[in-house]
Amino acid sequence: MAGEIGARHPDVAGLSLAELHERQREWALGFARSRQEWLDRTKPGHGTVVDGAWP
Protein backbone atom coordinates (compact mmCIF):
# COMPACT_ATOMS: atom_id res chain seq x y z
CA MET A 1 0.00 0.00 0.00
CA ALA A 2 2.79 2.41 0.86
CA GLY A 3 4.37 1.72 -2.52
CA GLU A 4 1.13 2.57 -4.30
CA ILE A 5 0.77 5.82 -2.38
CA GLY A 6 4.40 6.68 -3.15
CA ALA A 7 3.88 5.99 -6.85
CA ARG A 8 0.83 8.25 -6.98
CA HIS A 9 2.31 10.99 -4.79
CA PRO A 10 6.06 11.26 -5.39
CA ASP A 11 6.19 14.49 -3.37
CA VAL A 12 5.09 12.50 -0.33
CA ALA A 13 7.31 9.51 -1.15
CA GLY A 14 10.40 11.70 -0.90
CA LEU A 15 9.67 12.89 2.64
CA SER A 16 11.58 11.71 5.67
CA LEU A 17 9.55 10.05 8.41
CA ALA A 18 9.74 13.21 10.52
CA GLU A 19 8.54 15.35 7.59
CA LEU A 20 5.73 12.89 6.81
CA HIS A 21 4.60 12.93 10.43
CA GLU A 22 4.53 16.73 10.44
CA ARG A 23 2.50 16.77 7.23
CA GLN A 24 0.05 14.26 8.71
CA ARG A 25 -0.38 16.52 11.74
CA GLU A 26 -1.06 19.49 9.45
CA TRP A 27 -3.53 17.51 7.31
CA ALA A 28 -5.39 16.21 10.37
CA LEU A 29 -5.63 19.70 11.85
CA GLY A 30 -6.86 21.15 8.55
CA PHE A 31 -9.49 18.43 8.19
CA ALA A 32 -10.66 18.95 11.77
CA ARG A 33 -10.96 22.71 11.32
CA SER A 34 -12.90 22.28 8.09
CA ARG A 35 -15.20 19.66 9.63
CA GLN A 36 -15.78 21.84 12.71
CA GLU A 37 -16.64 24.85 10.55
CA TRP A 38 -19.07 22.73 8.52
CA LEU A 39 -20.76 21.37 11.65
CA ASP A 40 -21.01 24.83 13.20
CA ARG A 41 -22.53 26.23 10.00
CA THR A 42 -24.94 23.42 9.17
CA LYS A 43 -25.92 22.04 12.58
CA PRO A 44 -26.16 24.88 15.10
CA GLY A 45 -26.05 23.67 18.69
CA HIS A 46 -24.61 20.27 17.74
CA GLY A 47 -22.23 20.19 20.73
CA THR A 48 -19.53 18.26 18.88
CA VAL A 49 -15.87 19.23 19.09
CA VAL A 50 -13.76 17.77 16.30
CA ASP A 51 -10.30 16.83 17.58
CA GLY A 52 -7.52 17.52 15.10
CA ALA A 53 -4.77 15.87 17.12
CA TRP A 54 -2.51 13.41 15.38
CA PRO A 55 -0.58 10.83 17.39
C-alpha atoms as a PDB file:
ATOM      1  CA  MET A   1       0.000   0.000   0.000  1.00  0.00           C
ATOM      2  CA  ALA A   2       2.789   2.415   0.859  1.00  0.00           C
ATOM      3  CA  GLY A   3       4.371   1.717  -2.524  1.00  0.00           C
ATOM      4  CA  GLU A   4       1.133   2.568  -4.303  1.00  0.00           C
ATOM      5  CA  ILE A   5       0.773   5.823  -2.375  1.00  0.00           C
ATOM      6  CA  GLY A   6       4.398   6.675  -3.152  1.00  0.00           C
ATOM      7  CA  ALA A   7       3.876   5.987  -6.853  1.00  0.00           C
ATOM      8  CA  ARG A   8       0.832   8.248  -6.977  1.00  0.00           C
ATOM      9  CA  HIS A   9       2.312  10.993  -4.795  1.00  0.00           C
ATOM     10  CA  PRO A  10       6.061  11.263  -5.393  1.00  0.00           C
ATOM     11  CA  ASP A  11       6.195  14.490  -3.372  1.00  0.00           C
ATOM     12  CA  VAL A  12       5.092  12.499  -0.325  1.00  0.00           C
ATOM     13  CA  ALA A  13       7.312   9.515  -1.154  1.00  0.00           C
ATOM     14  CA  GLY A  14      10.397  11.700  -0.898  1.00  0.00           C
ATOM     15  CA  LEU A  15       9.671  12.890   2.636  1.00  0.00           C
ATOM     16  CA  SER A  16      11.582  11.707   5.672  1.00  0.00           C
ATOM     17  CA  LEU A  17       9.545  10.049   8.411  1.00  0.00           C
ATOM     18  CA  ALA A  18       9.741  13.206  10.520  1.00  0.00           C
ATOM     19  CA  GLU A  19       8.542  15.350   7.594  1.00  0.00           C
ATOM     20  CA  LEU A  20       5.730  12.894   6.813  1.00  0.00           C
ATOM     21  CA  HIS A  21       4.600  12.929  10.431  1.00  0.00           C
ATOM     22  CA  GLU A  22       4.531  16.730  10.444  1.00  0.00           C
ATOM     23  CA  ARG A  23       2.498  16.774   7.229  1.00  0.00           C
ATOM     24  CA  GLN A  24       0.054  14.259   8.712  1.00  0.00           C
ATOM     25  CA  ARG A  25      -0.378  16.520  11.736  1.00  0.00           C
ATOM     26  CA  GLU A  26      -1.059  19.492   9.446  1.00  0.00           C
ATOM     27  CA  TRP A  27      -3.528  17.509   7.309  1.00  0.00           C
ATOM     28  CA  ALA A  28      -5.387  16.208  10.368  1.00  0.00           C
ATOM     29  CA  LEU A  29      -5.634  19.696  11.846  1.00  0.00           C
ATOM     30  CA  GLY A  30      -6.856  21.153   8.546  1.00  0.00           C
ATOM     31  CA  PHE A  31      -9.487  18.433   8.186  1.00  0.00           C
ATOM     32  CA  ALA A  32     -10.658  18.955  11.774  1.00  0.00           C
ATOM     33  CA  ARG A  33     -10.960  22.714  11.317  1.00  0.00           C
ATOM     34  CA  SER A  34     -12.902  22.279   8.092  1.00  0.00           C
ATOM     35  CA  ARG A  35     -15.195  19.662   9.632  1.00  0.00           C
ATOM     36  CA  GLN A  36     -15.783  21.844  12.709  1.00  0.00           C
ATOM     37  CA  GLU A  37     -16.641  24.852  10.546  1.00  0.00           C
ATOM     38  CA  TRP A  38     -19.073  22.731   8.522  1.00  0.00           C
ATOM     39  CA  LEU A  39     -20.755  21.368  11.650  1.00  0.00           C
ATOM     40  CA  ASP A  40     -21.012  24.830  13.198  1.00  0.00           C
ATOM     41  CA  ARG A  41     -22.525  26.230  10.004  1.00  0.00           C
ATOM     42  CA  THR A  42     -24.941  23.416   9.165  1.00  0.00           C
ATOM     43  CA  LYS A  43     -25.919  22.044  12.581  1.00  0.00           C
ATOM     44  CA  PRO A  44     -26.162  24.882  15.101  1.00  0.00           C
ATOM     45  CA  GLY A  45     -26.054  23.669  18.694  1.00  0.00           C
ATOM     46  CA  HIS A  46     -24.608  20.272  17.737  1.00  0.00           C
ATOM     47  CA  GLY A  47     -22.234  20.195  20.728  1.00  0.00           C
ATOM     48  CA  THR A  48     -19.530  18.258  18.880  1.00  0.00           C
ATOM     49  CA  VAL A  49     -15.869  19.233  19.088  1.00  0.00           C
ATOM     50  CA  VAL A  50     -13.755  17.770  16.296  1.00  0.00           C
ATOM     51  CA  ASP A  51     -10.302  16.826  17.583  1.00  0.00           C
ATOM     52  CA  GLY A  52      -7.516  17.516  15.095  1.00  0.00           C
ATOM     53  CA  ALA A  53      -4.768  15.873  17.120  1.00  0.00           C
ATOM     54  CA  TRP A  54      -2.505  13.409  15.380  1.00  0.00           C
ATOM     55  CA  PRO A  55      -0.576  10.834  17.389  1.00  0.00           C
END
